[in-house]
């Protein structure tokens, strides 16, 4: 049997047909949706994770790596921190009071702006003329002030001297620190 020479037209047609098929195959492959977002690493991992067929030995367990996430760290509570408001009070603005007289009480608000409770609170009047001022009520004394909470102290000026007197209302907690308000008042005859 003698081989028949192929015609040039037939060979060119075959080559053109092969080129067209290759082009179509390439476009189909590139437009096919990938099940894992197109990641070839994920496809490789899937192939490695197949179980062996029964009878071919012990079954292989498939372990997939979970994505690592950093551990969640709970926020740390800030330390107790005391403040007082108002920070300064003049009990006799422009109107001195007579010896033996007193003013109405002024309310002071003590606040723990920290994220932890304070230690037990104490309140004292100190300074140059502490005897001219008095605490009239105090719901802070001995209290462990919770985080972001307040308590109240009332104080007044009670004149026994002529002239201007000063003192300080100091609230302390350990932990919590110290908060101070400046007090002043004037006395006359």
N, C-alpha and C. Protein backbone atom coordinates (compact mmCIF):
# COMPACT_ATOMS: atom_id res chain seq x y z
N UNK A 1 0.83 -1.14 0.00
CA UNK A 1 0.00 0.00 0.00
C UNK A 1 0.88 1.22 0.00
N UNK A 2 0.57 2.07 -0.83
CA UNK A 2 1.40 3.24 -1.05
C UNK A 2 0.79 4.42 -0.30
N UNK A 3 1.63 5.20 0.38
CA UNK A 3 1.14 6.37 1.11
C UNK A 3 0.76 7.46 0.14
N UNK A 4 -0.33 8.00 0.40
CA UNK A 4 -0.80 9.05 -0.46
C UNK A 4 -0.32 10.40 0.04
N UNK A 5 0.22 11.16 -0.85
CA UNK A 5 0.66 12.47 -0.40
C UNK A 5 -0.56 13.31 -0.03
N UNK A 6 -0.39 14.05 1.07
CA UNK A 6 -1.49 14.93 1.49
C UNK A 6 -1.44 16.21 0.71
N UNK A 7 -2.55 16.70 0.44
CA UNK A 7 -2.57 17.94 -0.31
C UNK A 7 -2.29 19.10 0.60
N UNK A 8 -1.77 20.15 0.04
CA UNK A 8 -1.45 21.32 0.83
C UNK A 8 -2.71 21.96 1.41
N UNK A 9 -3.74 21.92 0.69
CA UNK A 9 -5.00 22.49 1.16
C UNK A 9 -5.50 21.71 2.36
N UNK A 10 -5.41 20.38 2.28
CA UNK A 10 -5.88 19.54 3.38
C UNK A 10 -5.04 19.76 4.62
N UNK A 11 -3.74 19.88 4.52
CA UNK A 11 -2.84 20.10 5.65
C UNK A 11 -3.09 21.47 6.27
N UNK A 12 -3.23 22.46 5.42
CA UNK A 12 -3.50 23.80 5.94
C UNK A 12 -4.86 23.83 6.65
N UNK A 13 -5.82 23.17 6.09
CA UNK A 13 -7.14 23.12 6.71
C UNK A 13 -7.09 22.44 8.06
N UNK A 14 -6.28 21.32 8.12
CA UNK A 14 -6.14 20.61 9.39
C UNK A 14 -5.45 21.49 10.42
N UNK A 15 -4.41 22.19 10.02
CA UNK A 15 -3.70 23.09 10.94
C UNK A 15 -4.61 24.22 11.40
N UNK A 16 -5.38 24.77 10.51
CA UNK A 16 -6.30 25.85 10.87
C UNK A 16 -7.35 25.35 11.85
N UNK A 17 -7.82 24.10 11.62
CA UNK A 17 -8.81 23.51 12.51
C UNK A 17 -8.22 23.28 13.90
N UNK A 18 -6.98 22.78 13.96
CA UNK A 18 -6.31 22.56 15.25
C UNK A 18 -6.10 23.88 15.99
N UNK A 19 -5.70 24.91 15.28
CA UNK A 19 -5.48 26.22 15.89
C UNK A 19 -6.79 26.76 16.45
N UNK A 20 -7.87 26.61 15.72
CA UNK A 20 -9.17 27.09 16.16
C UNK A 20 -9.63 26.34 17.40
N UNK A 21 -9.40 25.01 17.41
CA UNK A 21 -9.77 24.20 18.58
C UNK A 21 -8.95 24.60 19.80
N UNK A 22 -7.66 24.86 19.62
CA UNK A 22 -6.80 25.28 20.73
C UNK A 22 -7.27 26.62 21.27
N UNK A 23 -7.65 27.53 20.40
CA UNK A 23 -8.13 28.84 20.82
C UNK A 23 -9.42 28.72 21.62
N UNK A 24 -10.34 27.90 21.15
CA UNK A 24 -11.61 27.68 21.85
C UNK A 24 -11.36 27.02 23.20
N UNK A 25 -10.49 26.04 23.24
CA UNK A 25 -10.20 25.34 24.50
C UNK A 25 -9.59 26.30 25.51
N UNK A 26 -8.71 27.18 25.06
CA UNK A 26 -8.08 28.16 25.95
C UNK A 26 -9.09 29.14 26.50
N UNK A 27 -10.01 29.61 25.68
CA UNK A 27 -11.00 30.58 26.17
C UNK A 27 -11.99 29.93 27.10
N UNK A 28 -12.34 28.66 26.87
CA UNK A 28 -13.24 27.95 27.77
C UNK A 28 -12.57 27.76 29.12
N UNK A 29 -11.31 27.40 29.13
CA UNK A 29 -10.59 27.18 30.39
C UNK A 29 -10.44 28.47 31.17
N UNK A 30 -10.19 29.59 30.49
CA UNK A 30 -9.99 30.84 31.21
C UNK A 30 -11.30 31.43 31.70
N UNK A 31 -12.43 31.11 31.04
CA UNK A 31 -13.71 31.67 31.48
C UNK A 31 -14.43 30.78 32.47
N UNK A 32 -13.95 29.57 32.70
CA UNK A 32 -14.61 28.67 33.64
C UNK A 32 -14.41 29.19 35.05
N UNK A 33 -15.49 29.31 35.85
CA UNK A 33 -15.33 29.81 37.22
C UNK A 33 -14.58 28.81 38.08
N UNK A 34 -13.65 29.33 38.87
CA UNK A 34 -12.89 28.47 39.78
C UNK A 34 -13.65 28.37 41.08
N UNK A 35 -13.72 27.19 41.66
CA UNK A 35 -14.51 26.99 42.88
C UNK A 35 -13.83 27.59 44.09
N UNK A 36 -12.55 27.87 44.03
CA UNK A 36 -11.85 28.42 45.19
C UNK A 36 -11.29 29.79 44.91
N UNK A 37 -11.85 30.51 43.97
CA UNK A 37 -11.37 31.84 43.67
C UNK A 37 -10.18 31.80 42.73
N UNK A 38 -9.92 30.69 42.05
CA UNK A 38 -8.84 30.60 41.09
C UNK A 38 -7.51 30.25 41.71
N UNK A 39 -7.50 29.85 42.97
CA UNK A 39 -6.24 29.55 43.65
C UNK A 39 -5.78 28.14 43.32
N UNK A 40 -4.64 28.03 42.68
CA UNK A 40 -4.14 26.69 42.35
C UNK A 40 -3.60 26.00 43.59
N UNK A 41 -3.18 26.80 44.61
CA UNK A 41 -2.70 26.20 45.85
C UNK A 41 -3.83 25.46 46.56
N UNK A 42 -5.04 26.03 46.50
CA UNK A 42 -6.19 25.39 47.14
C UNK A 42 -6.54 24.10 46.41
N UNK A 43 -6.41 24.10 45.07
CA UNK A 43 -6.70 22.88 44.31
C UNK A 43 -5.69 21.80 44.65
N UNK A 44 -4.41 22.17 44.80
CA UNK A 44 -3.38 21.22 45.18
C UNK A 44 -3.67 20.64 46.56
N UNK A 45 -4.11 21.51 47.48
CA UNK A 45 -4.41 21.05 48.83
C UNK A 45 -5.57 20.06 48.81
N UNK A 46 -6.58 20.31 47.95
CA UNK A 46 -7.71 19.40 47.85
C UNK A 46 -7.26 18.03 47.36
N UNK A 47 -6.33 18.01 46.41
CA UNK A 47 -5.86 16.74 45.87
C UNK A 47 -5.12 15.95 46.94
N UNK A 48 -4.38 16.64 47.79
CA UNK A 48 -3.60 15.96 48.83
C UNK A 48 -4.49 15.45 49.95
N UNK A 49 -5.71 15.93 50.01
CA UNK A 49 -6.58 15.65 51.13
C UNK A 49 -7.62 14.59 50.81
N UNK A 50 -7.41 13.71 49.85
CA UNK A 50 -8.37 12.66 49.51
C UNK A 50 -8.08 11.41 50.32
N UNK A 51 -9.14 10.71 50.69
CA UNK A 51 -8.98 9.47 51.44
C UNK A 51 -8.60 8.34 50.49
N UNK A 52 -7.88 7.40 51.05
CA UNK A 52 -7.51 6.23 50.24
C UNK A 52 -8.71 5.32 50.05
N UNK A 53 -8.70 4.56 48.98
CA UNK A 53 -9.79 3.63 48.70
C UNK A 53 -9.75 2.47 49.69
N UNK A 54 -10.91 1.93 50.01
CA UNK A 54 -10.94 0.78 50.93
C UNK A 54 -10.09 -0.36 50.37
N UNK A 55 -9.39 -0.99 51.29
CA UNK A 55 -8.56 -2.12 50.89
C UNK A 55 -7.15 -1.69 50.52
N UNK A 56 -6.89 -0.44 50.41
CA UNK A 56 -5.56 0.04 50.04
C UNK A 56 -4.78 0.45 51.28
N UNK A 57 -5.17 -0.02 52.42
CA UNK A 57 -4.47 0.33 53.66
C UNK A 57 -5.39 1.15 54.55
N UNK A 58 -4.84 1.68 55.64
CA UNK A 58 -5.64 2.45 56.58
C UNK A 58 -6.11 3.74 55.92
N UNK A 59 -7.31 4.14 56.29
CA UNK A 59 -7.87 5.36 55.71
C UNK A 59 -7.08 6.57 56.22
N UNK A 60 -6.79 7.46 55.34
CA UNK A 60 -6.03 8.66 55.70
C UNK A 60 -7.03 9.74 56.13
N UNK A 61 -6.78 10.35 57.28
CA UNK A 61 -7.65 11.40 57.75
C UNK A 61 -7.23 12.71 57.09
N UNK A 62 -8.19 13.46 56.72
CA UNK A 62 -7.96 14.70 56.01
C UNK A 62 -7.97 15.85 57.01
N UNK A 63 -6.88 16.54 57.15
CA UNK A 63 -6.81 17.68 58.06
C UNK A 63 -6.58 18.93 57.23
N UNK A 64 -7.50 19.83 57.36
CA UNK A 64 -7.35 21.10 56.65
C UNK A 64 -6.90 22.16 57.64
N UNK A 65 -6.00 22.99 57.21
CA UNK A 65 -5.53 24.06 58.08
C UNK A 65 -6.59 25.15 58.14
N UNK A 66 -6.88 25.57 59.35
CA UNK A 66 -7.81 26.67 59.53
C UNK A 66 -7.01 27.96 59.45
N UNK A 67 -7.61 29.01 58.95
CA UNK A 67 -6.88 30.27 58.88
C UNK A 67 -6.55 30.74 60.30
N UNK A 68 -5.36 31.22 60.49
CA UNK A 68 -4.96 31.65 61.82
C UNK A 68 -5.50 33.05 62.09
N UNK A 69 -6.03 33.22 63.29
CA UNK A 69 -6.51 34.53 63.72
C UNK A 69 -5.79 34.87 65.02
N UNK A 70 -5.44 36.16 65.19
CA UNK A 70 -4.75 36.53 66.42
C UNK A 70 -5.69 36.39 67.61
N UNK A 71 -5.15 36.04 68.79
CA UNK A 71 -6.01 35.91 69.97
C UNK A 71 -6.59 37.26 70.36
N UNK A 72 -7.81 37.23 70.87
CA UNK A 72 -8.47 38.45 71.30
C UNK A 72 -8.03 38.75 72.72
N UNK A 73 -7.48 39.94 72.92
CA UNK A 73 -7.03 40.34 74.24
C UNK A 73 -8.08 41.25 74.85
N UNK A 74 -8.60 40.89 76.03
CA UNK A 74 -9.62 41.74 76.64
C UNK A 74 -9.00 43.08 77.06
N UNK A 75 -9.78 44.15 76.99
CA UNK A 75 -9.22 45.45 77.38
C UNK A 75 -8.89 45.45 78.87
N UNK A 76 -7.81 46.11 79.22
CA UNK A 76 -7.43 46.18 80.62
C UNK A 76 -8.12 47.38 81.25
N UNK A 77 -8.55 47.23 82.47
CA UNK A 77 -9.23 48.30 83.18
C UNK A 77 -8.21 49.34 83.62
N UNK A 78 -8.56 50.60 83.47
CA UNK A 78 -7.67 51.66 83.92
C UNK A 78 -7.80 51.81 85.43
N UNK A 79 -6.79 52.36 86.05
CA UNK A 79 -6.78 52.53 87.50
C UNK A 79 -7.80 53.58 87.93
N UNK A 80 -8.24 53.48 89.17
CA UNK A 80 -9.15 54.47 89.73
C UNK A 80 -8.49 55.84 89.70
N UNK A 81 -9.27 56.88 89.42
CA UNK A 81 -8.73 58.24 89.34
C UNK A 81 -9.80 59.22 89.84
N UNK A 82 -9.54 59.86 90.98
CA UNK A 82 -10.53 60.74 91.60
C UNK A 82 -10.39 62.18 91.12
N UNK A 83 -11.53 62.85 90.98
CA UNK A 83 -11.56 64.29 90.69
C UNK A 83 -12.70 64.90 91.49
N UNK A 84 -12.65 66.23 91.65
CA UNK A 84 -13.69 66.92 92.41
C UNK A 84 -14.14 68.14 91.62
N UNK A 85 -15.44 68.46 91.75
CA UNK A 85 -15.99 69.62 91.05
C UNK A 85 -17.01 70.29 91.96
N UNK A 86 -16.97 71.60 92.10
CA UNK A 86 -16.01 72.54 91.54
C UNK A 86 -14.66 72.43 92.24
N UNK A 87 -13.64 72.95 91.57
CA UNK A 87 -12.28 72.86 92.13
C UNK A 87 -11.94 74.06 93.00
N UNK A 88 -12.75 75.11 92.96
CA UNK A 88 -12.53 76.29 93.82
C UNK A 88 -13.89 76.94 94.11
N UNK A 89 -14.08 77.34 95.39
CA UNK A 89 -15.33 78.00 95.78
C UNK A 89 -15.00 79.16 96.72
N UNK A 90 -15.54 80.34 96.36
CA UNK A 90 -15.50 81.49 97.26
C UNK A 90 -16.90 81.57 97.88
N UNK A 91 -17.00 81.30 99.16
CA UNK A 91 -18.30 81.25 99.83
C UNK A 91 -18.91 82.63 100.04
N UNK A 92 -18.11 83.69 99.97
CA UNK A 92 -18.61 85.04 100.22
C UNK A 92 -18.17 85.98 99.10
N UNK A 93 -18.62 85.78 97.88
CA UNK A 93 -18.17 86.64 96.79
C UNK A 93 -18.71 88.07 96.94
N UNK A 94 -17.82 88.98 97.34
CA UNK A 94 -18.19 90.39 97.49
C UNK A 94 -19.07 90.70 98.68
N UNK A 95 -19.37 89.71 99.52
CA UNK A 95 -20.25 89.93 100.67
C UNK A 95 -19.67 89.23 101.90
N UNK A 96 -18.71 89.84 102.59
CA UNK A 96 -18.19 89.21 103.81
C UNK A 96 -19.32 89.03 104.84
N UNK A 97 -19.16 88.00 105.65
CA UNK A 97 -20.19 87.77 106.66
C UNK A 97 -19.63 88.08 108.04
N UNK A 98 -20.52 88.40 108.96
CA UNK A 98 -20.13 88.79 110.31
C UNK A 98 -19.58 87.61 111.08
N UNK A 99 -18.72 87.92 112.04
CA UNK A 99 -18.14 86.89 112.91
C UNK A 99 -19.29 86.13 113.58
N UNK A 100 -19.19 84.81 113.56
CA UNK A 100 -20.21 83.95 114.14
C UNK A 100 -21.23 83.50 113.10
N UNK A 101 -21.26 84.10 111.94
CA UNK A 101 -22.21 83.72 110.89
C UNK A 101 -21.65 82.58 110.03
N UNK A 102 -22.50 82.01 109.21
CA UNK A 102 -22.07 80.95 108.29
C UNK A 102 -22.85 81.05 106.98
N UNK A 103 -22.34 80.42 105.98
CA UNK A 103 -22.98 80.42 104.67
C UNK A 103 -23.79 79.14 104.48
N UNK A 104 -24.56 79.13 103.41
CA UNK A 104 -25.25 77.89 103.03
C UNK A 104 -24.21 76.90 102.52
N UNK A 105 -24.47 75.59 102.65
CA UNK A 105 -23.51 74.60 102.16
C UNK A 105 -23.38 74.62 100.63
N UNK A 106 -22.22 74.32 100.17
CA UNK A 106 -21.90 74.16 98.74
C UNK A 106 -21.70 72.67 98.49
N UNK A 107 -22.26 72.14 97.40
CA UNK A 107 -22.11 70.71 97.08
C UNK A 107 -20.90 70.50 96.19
N UNK A 108 -20.07 69.53 96.57
CA UNK A 108 -18.90 69.13 95.78
C UNK A 108 -19.16 67.70 95.28
N UNK A 109 -18.91 67.48 93.99
CA UNK A 109 -19.11 66.17 93.38
C UNK A 109 -17.77 65.50 93.21
N UNK A 110 -17.63 64.31 93.77
CA UNK A 110 -16.40 63.53 93.64
C UNK A 110 -16.67 62.43 92.61
N UNK A 111 -15.79 62.32 91.62
CA UNK A 111 -15.98 61.37 90.52
C UNK A 111 -14.77 60.46 90.40
N UNK A 112 -15.03 59.17 90.18
CA UNK A 112 -13.97 58.22 89.84
C UNK A 112 -14.03 58.04 88.33
N UNK A 113 -13.10 58.65 87.61
CA UNK A 113 -13.10 58.56 86.14
C UNK A 113 -12.27 57.38 85.64
N UNK A 114 -11.74 56.57 86.54
CA UNK A 114 -10.98 55.38 86.13
C UNK A 114 -11.91 54.20 85.92
N UNK A 115 -11.35 53.13 85.35
CA UNK A 115 -12.13 51.94 85.05
C UNK A 115 -12.15 50.90 86.16
N UNK A 116 -11.59 51.22 87.33
CA UNK A 116 -11.56 50.30 88.48
C UNK A 116 -12.09 51.03 89.71
N UNK A 117 -12.61 50.30 90.69
CA UNK A 117 -13.10 50.95 91.91
C UNK A 117 -11.95 51.60 92.69
N UNK A 118 -12.30 52.66 93.41
CA UNK A 118 -11.31 53.30 94.28
C UNK A 118 -11.22 52.53 95.59
N UNK A 119 -10.23 52.91 96.39
CA UNK A 119 -10.19 52.40 97.76
C UNK A 119 -11.18 53.20 98.60
N UNK A 120 -11.36 52.86 99.88
CA UNK A 120 -12.28 53.61 100.74
C UNK A 120 -11.88 55.09 100.77
N UNK A 121 -12.87 55.97 100.66
CA UNK A 121 -12.60 57.41 100.58
C UNK A 121 -12.61 58.07 101.95
N UNK A 122 -11.76 59.09 102.07
CA UNK A 122 -11.78 59.94 103.25
C UNK A 122 -11.80 61.39 102.76
N UNK A 123 -12.37 62.29 103.56
CA UNK A 123 -12.44 63.70 103.21
C UNK A 123 -12.02 64.53 104.41
N UNK A 124 -11.13 65.49 104.18
CA UNK A 124 -10.66 66.35 105.26
C UNK A 124 -10.56 67.79 104.76
N UNK A 125 -10.60 68.72 105.71
CA UNK A 125 -10.34 70.13 105.39
C UNK A 125 -9.01 70.49 106.02
N UNK A 126 -8.10 70.95 105.18
CA UNK A 126 -6.75 71.30 105.62
C UNK A 126 -6.40 72.68 105.07
N UNK A 127 -5.21 73.16 105.37
CA UNK A 127 -4.76 74.44 104.82
C UNK A 127 -4.56 75.48 105.89
N UNK A 128 -4.56 76.75 105.48
CA UNK A 128 -4.25 77.86 106.39
C UNK A 128 -5.31 78.05 107.47
N UNK A 129 -6.58 77.98 107.13
CA UNK A 129 -7.67 78.24 108.08
C UNK A 129 -8.72 77.14 108.06
N UNK A 130 -8.36 75.90 108.39
CA UNK A 130 -9.33 74.81 108.28
C UNK A 130 -10.51 74.93 109.24
N UNK A 131 -10.34 75.61 110.35
CA UNK A 131 -11.42 75.72 111.34
C UNK A 131 -12.54 76.66 110.88
N UNK A 132 -12.30 77.44 109.80
CA UNK A 132 -13.31 78.38 109.30
C UNK A 132 -14.28 77.70 108.32
N UNK A 133 -14.06 76.44 108.05
CA UNK A 133 -14.87 75.69 107.09
C UNK A 133 -15.29 74.37 107.74
N UNK A 134 -16.42 73.83 107.31
CA UNK A 134 -16.90 72.58 107.91
C UNK A 134 -17.60 71.73 106.85
N UNK A 135 -17.42 70.41 106.98
CA UNK A 135 -18.17 69.46 106.15
C UNK A 135 -19.50 69.24 106.84
N UNK A 136 -20.61 69.51 106.13
CA UNK A 136 -21.94 69.37 106.73
C UNK A 136 -22.58 68.02 106.41
N UNK A 137 -22.25 67.43 105.27
CA UNK A 137 -22.71 66.08 104.95
C UNK A 137 -21.72 65.45 103.97
N UNK A 138 -21.63 64.11 104.06
CA UNK A 138 -20.60 63.43 103.26
C UNK A 138 -21.06 62.00 103.01
N UNK A 139 -21.53 61.72 101.78
CA UNK A 139 -21.89 60.33 101.49
C UNK A 139 -20.73 59.60 100.81
N UNK A 140 -19.55 60.23 100.78
CA UNK A 140 -18.36 59.59 100.21
C UNK A 140 -17.53 58.83 101.25
N UNK A 141 -17.63 59.25 102.52
CA UNK A 141 -16.74 58.72 103.55
C UNK A 141 -16.85 57.19 103.65
N UNK A 142 -15.71 56.53 103.56
CA UNK A 142 -15.64 55.08 103.67
C UNK A 142 -16.08 54.33 102.41
N UNK A 143 -16.61 55.04 101.41
CA UNK A 143 -17.13 54.40 100.21
C UNK A 143 -15.99 53.99 99.27
N UNK A 144 -16.13 52.82 98.67
CA UNK A 144 -15.26 52.42 97.57
C UNK A 144 -16.01 52.82 96.31
N UNK A 145 -15.59 53.92 95.71
CA UNK A 145 -16.32 54.50 94.59
C UNK A 145 -16.11 53.65 93.33
N UNK A 146 -17.19 53.12 92.78
CA UNK A 146 -17.13 52.26 91.59
C UNK A 146 -16.63 53.07 90.39
N UNK A 147 -16.17 52.36 89.37
CA UNK A 147 -15.68 53.01 88.16
C UNK A 147 -16.78 53.90 87.57
N UNK A 148 -16.41 55.11 87.16
CA UNK A 148 -17.30 56.07 86.50
C UNK A 148 -18.51 56.44 87.37
N UNK A 149 -18.33 56.42 88.71
CA UNK A 149 -19.41 56.77 89.63
C UNK A 149 -19.07 58.05 90.38
N UNK A 150 -20.09 58.59 91.07
CA UNK A 150 -19.91 59.83 91.82
C UNK A 150 -20.47 59.69 93.23
N UNK A 151 -20.00 60.58 94.10
CA UNK A 151 -20.58 60.75 95.43
C UNK A 151 -20.51 62.24 95.75
N UNK A 152 -21.11 62.67 96.86
CA UNK A 152 -21.26 64.10 97.13
C UNK A 152 -20.84 64.47 98.54
N UNK A 153 -20.23 65.67 98.65
CA UNK A 153 -19.83 66.23 99.95
C UNK A 153 -20.35 67.66 99.99
N UNK A 154 -20.97 68.05 101.10
CA UNK A 154 -21.39 69.43 101.31
C UNK A 154 -20.49 70.07 102.35
N UNK A 155 -20.06 71.31 102.06
CA UNK A 155 -19.22 72.04 103.00
C UNK A 155 -19.69 73.49 103.06
N UNK A 156 -19.38 74.19 104.18
CA UNK A 156 -19.77 75.60 104.32
C UNK A 156 -18.66 76.40 104.99
N UNK A 157 -18.81 77.71 104.88
CA UNK A 157 -17.89 78.64 105.54
C UNK A 157 -18.57 79.12 106.82
N UNK A 158 -17.85 79.06 107.96
CA UNK A 158 -18.38 79.54 109.24
C UNK A 158 -17.38 80.52 109.84
N UNK A 159 -17.69 81.80 109.77
CA UNK A 159 -16.74 82.85 110.10
C UNK A 159 -16.50 83.01 111.60
N UNK A 160 -15.20 83.06 111.94
CA UNK A 160 -14.79 83.38 113.30
C UNK A 160 -13.68 84.42 113.28
N UNK A 161 -13.27 84.89 112.10
CA UNK A 161 -12.16 85.83 111.96
C UNK A 161 -12.52 86.97 111.00
N UNK A 162 -11.83 88.08 111.15
CA UNK A 162 -11.99 89.19 110.22
C UNK A 162 -10.98 88.99 109.09
N UNK A 163 -11.40 89.27 107.85
CA UNK A 163 -10.50 89.14 106.71
C UNK A 163 -10.82 87.87 105.90
N UNK A 164 -9.89 87.59 105.00
CA UNK A 164 -10.09 86.44 104.10
C UNK A 164 -9.41 85.20 104.67
N UNK A 165 -10.12 84.10 104.64
CA UNK A 165 -9.58 82.82 105.09
C UNK A 165 -9.62 81.82 103.93
N UNK A 166 -8.65 80.92 103.94
CA UNK A 166 -8.58 79.89 102.89
C UNK A 166 -8.33 78.52 103.51
N UNK A 167 -8.72 77.50 102.76
CA UNK A 167 -8.48 76.11 103.16
C UNK A 167 -8.63 75.24 101.92
N UNK A 168 -8.52 73.93 102.12
CA UNK A 168 -8.67 72.99 101.01
C UNK A 168 -9.50 71.80 101.47
N UNK A 169 -10.45 71.41 100.64
CA UNK A 169 -11.22 70.19 100.86
C UNK A 169 -10.51 69.10 100.06
N UNK A 170 -9.99 68.08 100.76
CA UNK A 170 -9.21 67.04 100.11
C UNK A 170 -9.90 65.69 100.27
N UNK A 171 -10.10 65.01 99.15
CA UNK A 171 -10.69 63.67 99.14
C UNK A 171 -9.62 62.71 98.67
N UNK A 172 -9.42 61.61 99.44
CA UNK A 172 -8.36 60.66 99.13
C UNK A 172 -8.90 59.24 99.12
N UNK A 173 -8.38 58.45 98.18
CA UNK A 173 -8.68 57.01 98.10
C UNK A 173 -7.44 56.29 97.60
N UNK A 174 -7.15 55.12 98.20
CA UNK A 174 -5.99 54.33 97.76
C UNK A 174 -6.51 52.95 97.39
N UNK A 175 -6.62 52.64 96.07
CA UNK A 175 -6.21 53.45 94.92
C UNK A 175 -7.25 54.51 94.61
N UNK A 176 -6.83 55.48 93.80
CA UNK A 176 -7.71 56.57 93.38
C UNK A 176 -7.02 57.90 93.40
N UNK A 177 -6.10 58.07 94.37
CA UNK A 177 -5.37 59.33 94.44
C UNK A 177 -6.08 60.36 95.27
N UNK A 178 -5.74 61.62 95.02
CA UNK A 178 -6.25 62.74 95.80
C UNK A 178 -6.90 63.76 94.88
N UNK A 179 -8.04 64.28 95.31
CA UNK A 179 -8.72 65.38 94.60
C UNK A 179 -8.89 66.50 95.59
N UNK A 180 -8.60 67.74 95.14
CA UNK A 180 -8.62 68.88 96.07
C UNK A 180 -9.41 70.03 95.48
N UNK A 181 -10.22 70.66 96.35
CA UNK A 181 -10.94 71.88 96.01
C UNK A 181 -10.47 72.98 96.95
N UNK A 182 -10.21 74.17 96.39
CA UNK A 182 -9.78 75.33 97.19
C UNK A 182 -11.00 76.04 97.73
N UNK A 183 -10.97 76.37 99.05
CA UNK A 183 -12.09 77.04 99.72
C UNK A 183 -11.63 78.41 100.18
N UNK A 184 -12.52 79.42 100.06
CA UNK A 184 -12.20 80.75 100.59
C UNK A 184 -13.46 81.43 101.08
N UNK A 185 -13.30 82.37 102.00
CA UNK A 185 -14.40 83.14 102.53
C UNK A 185 -13.86 84.35 103.26
N UNK A 186 -14.68 85.40 103.39
CA UNK A 186 -14.27 86.62 104.07
C UNK A 186 -15.19 86.93 105.23
N UNK A 187 -14.58 87.41 106.32
CA UNK A 187 -15.34 87.76 107.50
C UNK A 187 -15.19 89.24 107.85
N UNK A 188 -16.21 89.77 108.50
CA UNK A 188 -16.18 91.16 108.95
C UNK A 188 -16.77 91.24 110.36
N UNK A 189 -16.72 92.44 110.93
CA UNK A 189 -17.23 92.62 112.29
C UNK A 189 -18.75 92.56 112.27
